[in-house]
Amino acid sequence: MWITFAIRAYPFAHEIHDFVASHDRVYVVEQDRDAQLASLLKLDLPADQVVKLRSILHYNDCAGCPDYYRRIRDQGGPLNGNCNAGT
């Protein structure tokens, strides 16, 4: 089951800490090559929560493609390449 959480501003709301704490693994979908969001989260979260974060660099036209995220879930980690939506 996928649960999403959209981060809209920094400093982060406390709900982000609760979200990370309540999950075993959290994928941070980065839409810039510098992984800025994951870096900010790592600075803001307690050390025991940081290990749950997985940064995924994905900034093509399919950033919200459900097929791409299903493949991440099924393979247990980030993927190389595009989502191949519709194939």
Protein backbone atom coordinates (compact mmCIF):
# COMPACT_ATOMS: atom_id res chain seq x y z
CA MET A 1 0.00 0.00 0.00
CA TRP A 2 1.33 3.40 -1.00
CA ILE A 3 0.78 6.42 1.18
CA THR A 4 1.97 9.74 -0.18
CA PHE A 5 2.92 12.90 1.61
CA ALA A 6 3.52 16.11 -0.32
CA ILE A 7 6.02 18.50 1.20
CA ARG A 8 5.24 22.06 0.25
CA ALA A 9 7.48 24.27 2.37
CA TYR A 10 10.52 24.51 4.58
CA PRO A 11 10.74 24.55 7.56
CA PHE A 12 8.92 21.24 7.67
CA ALA A 13 5.69 20.69 9.56
CA HIS A 14 5.84 18.27 12.49
CA GLU A 15 3.57 15.90 10.55
CA ILE A 16 6.58 14.98 8.40
CA HIS A 17 8.37 13.63 11.48
CA ASP A 18 5.25 11.61 12.37
CA PHE A 19 4.96 10.30 8.80
CA VAL A 20 8.56 9.07 8.69
CA ALA A 21 8.33 7.60 12.19
CA SER A 22 5.24 5.58 11.25
CA HIS A 23 6.84 3.89 8.19
CA ASP A 24 9.69 1.44 7.73
CA ARG A 25 10.90 3.00 4.49
CA VAL A 26 10.22 6.41 2.94
CA TYR A 27 11.03 7.16 -0.70
CA VAL A 28 11.85 10.81 -1.38
CA VAL A 29 11.25 11.52 -5.06
CA GLU A 30 13.73 14.20 -6.05
CA GLN A 31 13.00 16.36 -9.05
CA ASP A 32 16.38 18.05 -9.13
CA ARG A 33 19.81 16.51 -9.54
CA ASP A 34 21.15 17.80 -6.22
CA ALA A 35 18.77 15.82 -3.97
CA GLN A 36 17.98 18.95 -1.98
CA LEU A 37 14.79 17.66 -0.36
CA ALA A 38 16.40 14.51 1.04
CA SER A 39 19.33 16.58 2.31
CA LEU A 40 17.00 18.95 4.16
CA LEU A 41 15.03 16.06 5.61
CA LYS A 42 18.23 14.42 6.86
CA LEU A 43 19.15 17.63 8.66
CA ASP A 44 15.70 17.97 10.20
CA LEU A 45 14.91 14.39 11.26
CA PRO A 46 16.32 12.50 14.25
CA ALA A 47 19.25 10.23 13.35
CA ASP A 48 17.27 7.01 13.90
CA GLN A 49 14.70 8.16 11.32
CA VAL A 50 17.20 9.25 8.65
CA VAL A 51 18.08 5.62 7.85
CA LYS A 52 14.51 5.09 6.58
CA LEU A 53 14.91 7.61 3.75
CA ARG A 54 15.58 6.50 0.19
CA SER A 55 16.25 9.28 -2.31
CA ILE A 56 15.11 8.68 -5.88
CA LEU A 57 16.25 11.02 -8.62
CA HIS A 58 13.48 11.14 -11.18
CA TYR A 59 12.83 14.29 -13.15
CA ASN A 60 11.53 13.24 -16.53
CA ASP A 61 7.94 13.81 -17.65
CA CYS A 62 6.65 10.81 -15.70
CA ALA A 63 7.37 11.91 -12.12
CA GLY A 64 3.88 10.98 -10.95
CA CYS A 65 3.53 7.80 -12.99
CA PRO A 66 1.92 5.01 -10.92
CA ASP A 67 3.69 2.31 -12.95
CA TYR A 68 7.08 3.70 -11.97
CA TYR A 69 6.24 3.59 -8.25
CA ARG A 70 4.77 0.09 -8.50
CA ARG A 71 8.05 -1.06 -10.00
CA ILE A 72 9.98 0.59 -7.15
CA ARG A 73 7.79 -1.18 -4.61
CA ASP A 74 8.06 -4.55 -6.34
CA GLN A 75 11.84 -4.35 -6.71
CA GLY A 76 12.44 -2.81 -3.30
CA GLY A 77 14.43 0.18 -4.44
CA PRO A 78 15.11 2.88 -7.01
CA LEU A 79 15.08 2.07 -10.69
CA ASN A 80 17.21 3.19 -13.57
CA GLY A 81 15.51 4.52 -16.64
CA ASN A 82 12.02 5.77 -17.44
CA CYS A 83 8.71 4.41 -16.28
CA ASN A 84 7.68 3.14 -19.74
CA ALA A 85 4.08 4.11 -19.11
CA GLY A 86 1.66 2.49 -21.46
CA THR A 87 3.94 -0.41 -22.42
